[in-house]
Amino acid sequence: MKSKGNNAAAGRRPARDTTAGRKADAPSAAKKERKPVTMRLDLDVIDYFKAEADRTGIPYQNLINLYLQECVAEGKTLRFA
């Protein structure tokens, strides 16, 4: 008789560790609620953040969010020429 608690005995794969070999997304205290958005960004901006993603191992969309969070935290204001 097969044991319910033993995945190998039941012919199933053992649970996969999805965090193995993955760098942390970002140093943050707690997960905040997020909302998906669609934005049109200049190609050079995307290329910059993708290069930073390759360098840091953090997904480029997370890096964009981190930068925007920094702007919010520091109260940065936009300057137009």
N, C-alpha and C. Protein backbone atom coordinates (compact mmCIF):
# COMPACT_ATOMS: atom_id res chain seq x y z
N MET A 1 0.84 -1.19 0.00
CA MET A 1 0.00 0.00 0.00
C MET A 1 0.88 1.24 0.00
N LYS A 2 0.49 2.24 -0.78
CA LYS A 2 1.28 3.46 -0.92
C LYS A 2 1.01 4.39 0.25
N SER A 3 2.08 5.05 0.68
CA SER A 3 1.96 6.02 1.77
C SER A 3 1.53 7.36 1.19
N LYS A 4 0.58 8.03 1.80
CA LYS A 4 0.11 9.33 1.32
C LYS A 4 1.18 10.41 1.47
N GLY A 5 2.03 10.31 2.47
CA GLY A 5 3.02 11.34 2.73
C GLY A 5 4.30 11.21 1.94
N ASN A 6 4.48 10.14 1.20
CA ASN A 6 5.73 9.92 0.49
C ASN A 6 5.50 10.09 -1.00
N ASN A 7 5.92 11.22 -1.57
CA ASN A 7 5.71 11.51 -2.98
C ASN A 7 6.40 10.52 -3.88
N ALA A 8 7.61 10.09 -3.53
CA ALA A 8 8.35 9.15 -4.36
C ALA A 8 7.62 7.82 -4.42
N ALA A 9 7.09 7.37 -3.30
CA ALA A 9 6.37 6.11 -3.27
C ALA A 9 5.07 6.20 -4.05
N ALA A 10 4.51 7.38 -4.15
CA ALA A 10 3.25 7.57 -4.85
C ALA A 10 3.47 7.78 -6.35
N GLY A 11 4.73 7.74 -6.79
CA GLY A 11 5.04 7.93 -8.20
C GLY A 11 5.06 9.37 -8.63
N ARG A 12 5.13 10.29 -7.70
CA ARG A 12 5.17 11.71 -8.00
C ARG A 12 6.58 12.24 -7.77
N ARG A 13 6.86 13.32 -8.45
CA ARG A 13 8.15 13.99 -8.23
C ARG A 13 8.12 14.68 -6.88
N PRO A 14 9.26 14.74 -6.20
CA PRO A 14 9.31 15.51 -4.96
C PRO A 14 9.12 17.00 -5.28
N ALA A 15 8.64 17.74 -4.31
CA ALA A 15 8.44 19.18 -4.51
C ALA A 15 9.75 19.83 -4.87
N ARG A 16 9.70 20.75 -5.82
CA ARG A 16 10.89 21.43 -6.31
C ARG A 16 11.12 22.71 -5.51
N ASP A 17 12.37 22.95 -5.15
CA ASP A 17 12.73 24.18 -4.44
C ASP A 17 12.88 25.27 -5.48
N THR A 18 11.92 26.20 -5.54
CA THR A 18 11.94 27.25 -6.55
C THR A 18 12.89 28.38 -6.19
N THR A 19 13.43 28.38 -4.98
CA THR A 19 14.33 29.46 -4.59
C THR A 19 15.80 29.09 -4.77
N ALA A 20 16.09 27.83 -5.05
CA ALA A 20 17.48 27.39 -5.19
C ALA A 20 18.14 28.08 -6.37
N GLY A 21 19.30 28.64 -6.16
CA GLY A 21 20.07 29.27 -7.21
C GLY A 21 19.52 30.62 -7.66
N ARG A 22 18.55 31.16 -6.97
CA ARG A 22 17.95 32.43 -7.35
C ARG A 22 18.38 33.50 -6.37
N LYS A 23 18.78 34.62 -6.91
CA LYS A 23 19.15 35.74 -6.05
C LYS A 23 17.88 36.41 -5.54
N ALA A 24 17.99 37.05 -4.41
CA ALA A 24 16.85 37.76 -3.84
C ALA A 24 16.42 38.86 -4.80
N ASP A 25 15.11 39.08 -4.89
CA ASP A 25 14.60 40.13 -5.78
C ASP A 25 15.07 41.51 -5.35
N ALA A 26 14.98 41.78 -4.09
CA ALA A 26 15.40 43.09 -3.61
C ALA A 26 15.38 43.10 -2.10
N PRO A 27 16.20 43.94 -1.51
CA PRO A 27 16.15 44.04 -0.05
C PRO A 27 14.93 44.86 0.37
N SER A 28 13.88 44.21 0.78
CA SER A 28 12.68 44.93 1.20
C SER A 28 12.14 44.30 2.48
N ALA A 29 11.48 45.10 3.27
CA ALA A 29 10.98 44.64 4.56
C ALA A 29 9.79 43.71 4.40
N ALA A 30 8.83 44.09 3.58
CA ALA A 30 7.62 43.29 3.43
C ALA A 30 7.11 43.43 2.01
N LYS A 31 6.40 42.41 1.56
CA LYS A 31 5.81 42.46 0.23
C LYS A 31 4.65 43.45 0.25
N LYS A 32 4.66 44.37 -0.69
CA LYS A 32 3.58 45.34 -0.81
C LYS A 32 2.63 44.86 -1.90
N GLU A 33 1.41 45.34 -1.83
CA GLU A 33 0.45 45.03 -2.87
C GLU A 33 0.91 45.68 -4.17
N ARG A 34 0.78 44.95 -5.27
CA ARG A 34 1.20 45.48 -6.57
C ARG A 34 0.05 45.42 -7.55
N LYS A 35 0.12 46.30 -8.54
CA LYS A 35 -0.90 46.35 -9.58
C LYS A 35 -0.19 46.32 -10.93
N PRO A 36 -0.59 45.42 -11.82
CA PRO A 36 0.04 45.40 -13.15
C PRO A 36 -0.36 46.65 -13.94
N VAL A 37 0.62 47.21 -14.64
CA VAL A 37 0.37 48.38 -15.49
C VAL A 37 1.08 48.18 -16.83
N THR A 38 0.63 48.90 -17.81
CA THR A 38 1.29 48.90 -19.12
C THR A 38 1.86 50.29 -19.32
N MET A 39 3.15 50.33 -19.70
CA MET A 39 3.82 51.62 -19.91
C MET A 39 4.60 51.57 -21.21
N ARG A 40 4.73 52.70 -21.82
CA ARG A 40 5.59 52.82 -23.00
C ARG A 40 6.87 53.52 -22.53
N LEU A 41 7.97 52.78 -22.62
CA LEU A 41 9.27 53.31 -22.19
C LEU A 41 10.20 53.39 -23.38
N ASP A 42 11.09 54.37 -23.35
CA ASP A 42 12.09 54.48 -24.41
C ASP A 42 13.00 53.26 -24.38
N LEU A 43 13.47 52.86 -25.56
CA LEU A 43 14.30 51.66 -25.66
C LEU A 43 15.59 51.78 -24.85
N ASP A 44 16.18 52.97 -24.81
CA ASP A 44 17.42 53.12 -24.05
C ASP A 44 17.18 52.93 -22.55
N VAL A 45 16.01 53.30 -22.07
CA VAL A 45 15.66 53.10 -20.66
C VAL A 45 15.53 51.61 -20.36
N ILE A 46 14.84 50.89 -21.24
CA ILE A 46 14.69 49.45 -21.06
C ILE A 46 16.05 48.76 -21.12
N ASP A 47 16.87 49.14 -22.09
CA ASP A 47 18.21 48.55 -22.23
C ASP A 47 19.05 48.78 -20.97
N TYR A 48 18.95 49.99 -20.41
CA TYR A 48 19.70 50.31 -19.19
C TYR A 48 19.29 49.38 -18.05
N PHE A 49 17.99 49.26 -17.81
CA PHE A 49 17.53 48.44 -16.70
C PHE A 49 17.76 46.95 -16.95
N LYS A 50 17.70 46.52 -18.20
CA LYS A 50 18.00 45.11 -18.50
C LYS A 50 19.48 44.81 -18.26
N ALA A 51 20.35 45.76 -18.58
CA ALA A 51 21.78 45.58 -18.31
C ALA A 51 22.02 45.52 -16.80
N GLU A 52 21.33 46.38 -16.06
CA GLU A 52 21.44 46.35 -14.60
C GLU A 52 20.90 45.03 -14.05
N ALA A 53 19.85 44.50 -14.67
CA ALA A 53 19.29 43.21 -14.25
C ALA A 53 20.32 42.10 -14.45
N ASP A 54 21.01 42.13 -15.58
CA ASP A 54 22.06 41.13 -15.83
C ASP A 54 23.18 41.25 -14.80
N ARG A 55 23.53 42.48 -14.46
CA ARG A 55 24.62 42.72 -13.51
C ARG A 55 24.24 42.30 -12.10
N THR A 56 23.00 42.58 -11.70
CA THR A 56 22.60 42.36 -10.31
C THR A 56 21.87 41.04 -10.07
N GLY A 57 21.28 40.48 -11.12
CA GLY A 57 20.48 39.27 -10.95
C GLY A 57 19.06 39.56 -10.49
N ILE A 58 18.69 40.83 -10.47
CA ILE A 58 17.34 41.24 -10.08
C ILE A 58 16.57 41.54 -11.37
N PRO A 59 15.36 41.02 -11.53
CA PRO A 59 14.59 41.29 -12.75
C PRO A 59 14.45 42.78 -13.02
N TYR A 60 14.52 43.15 -14.30
CA TYR A 60 14.54 44.58 -14.64
C TYR A 60 13.28 45.31 -14.21
N GLN A 61 12.13 44.66 -14.23
CA GLN A 61 10.91 45.32 -13.79
C GLN A 61 10.98 45.63 -12.28
N ASN A 62 11.58 44.74 -11.52
CA ASN A 62 11.77 44.98 -10.10
C ASN A 62 12.72 46.16 -9.88
N LEU A 63 13.76 46.26 -10.72
CA LEU A 63 14.70 47.37 -10.59
C LEU A 63 14.02 48.70 -10.88
N ILE A 64 13.17 48.72 -11.89
CA ILE A 64 12.43 49.95 -12.18
C ILE A 64 11.57 50.33 -10.98
N ASN A 65 10.89 49.34 -10.41
CA ASN A 65 10.06 49.61 -9.23
C ASN A 65 10.91 50.10 -8.06
N LEU A 66 12.07 49.48 -7.85
CA LEU A 66 12.95 49.92 -6.77
C LEU A 66 13.38 51.38 -6.95
N TYR A 67 13.71 51.74 -8.19
CA TYR A 67 14.12 53.12 -8.44
C TYR A 67 12.96 54.08 -8.18
N LEU A 68 11.78 53.71 -8.63
CA LEU A 68 10.62 54.57 -8.40
C LEU A 68 10.28 54.66 -6.91
N GLN A 69 10.46 53.56 -6.18
CA GLN A 69 10.26 53.59 -4.73
C GLN A 69 11.25 54.54 -4.06
N GLU A 70 12.49 54.54 -4.56
CA GLU A 70 13.50 55.47 -4.03
C GLU A 70 13.07 56.91 -4.28
N CYS A 71 12.53 57.19 -5.46
CA CYS A 71 12.03 58.54 -5.76
C CYS A 71 10.95 58.95 -4.78
N VAL A 72 10.04 58.02 -4.49
CA VAL A 72 8.95 58.30 -3.56
C VAL A 72 9.51 58.55 -2.16
N ALA A 73 10.40 57.68 -1.71
CA ALA A 73 10.95 57.78 -0.35
C ALA A 73 11.72 59.09 -0.15
N GLU A 74 12.43 59.52 -1.19
CA GLU A 74 13.23 60.74 -1.08
C GLU A 74 12.44 62.00 -1.45
N GLY A 75 11.19 61.82 -1.86
CA GLY A 75 10.37 62.97 -2.22
C GLY A 75 10.89 63.72 -3.44
N LYS A 76 11.50 62.98 -4.35
CA LYS A 76 12.04 63.64 -5.55
C LYS A 76 10.91 64.26 -6.36
N THR A 77 11.19 65.40 -6.97
CA THR A 77 10.23 66.05 -7.84
C THR A 77 10.79 66.11 -9.25
N LEU A 78 9.91 66.13 -10.22
CA LEU A 78 10.33 66.16 -11.61
C LEU A 78 10.74 67.57 -12.00
N ARG A 79 11.80 67.65 -12.79
CA ARG A 79 12.26 68.93 -13.33
C ARG A 79 12.19 68.85 -14.84
N PHE A 80 11.54 69.80 -15.46
CA PHE A 80 11.44 69.83 -16.89
C PHE A 80 12.26 70.99 -17.44
N ALA A 81 12.92 70.75 -18.54
CA ALA A 81 13.78 71.79 -19.13
C ALA A 81 12.98 72.87 -19.79
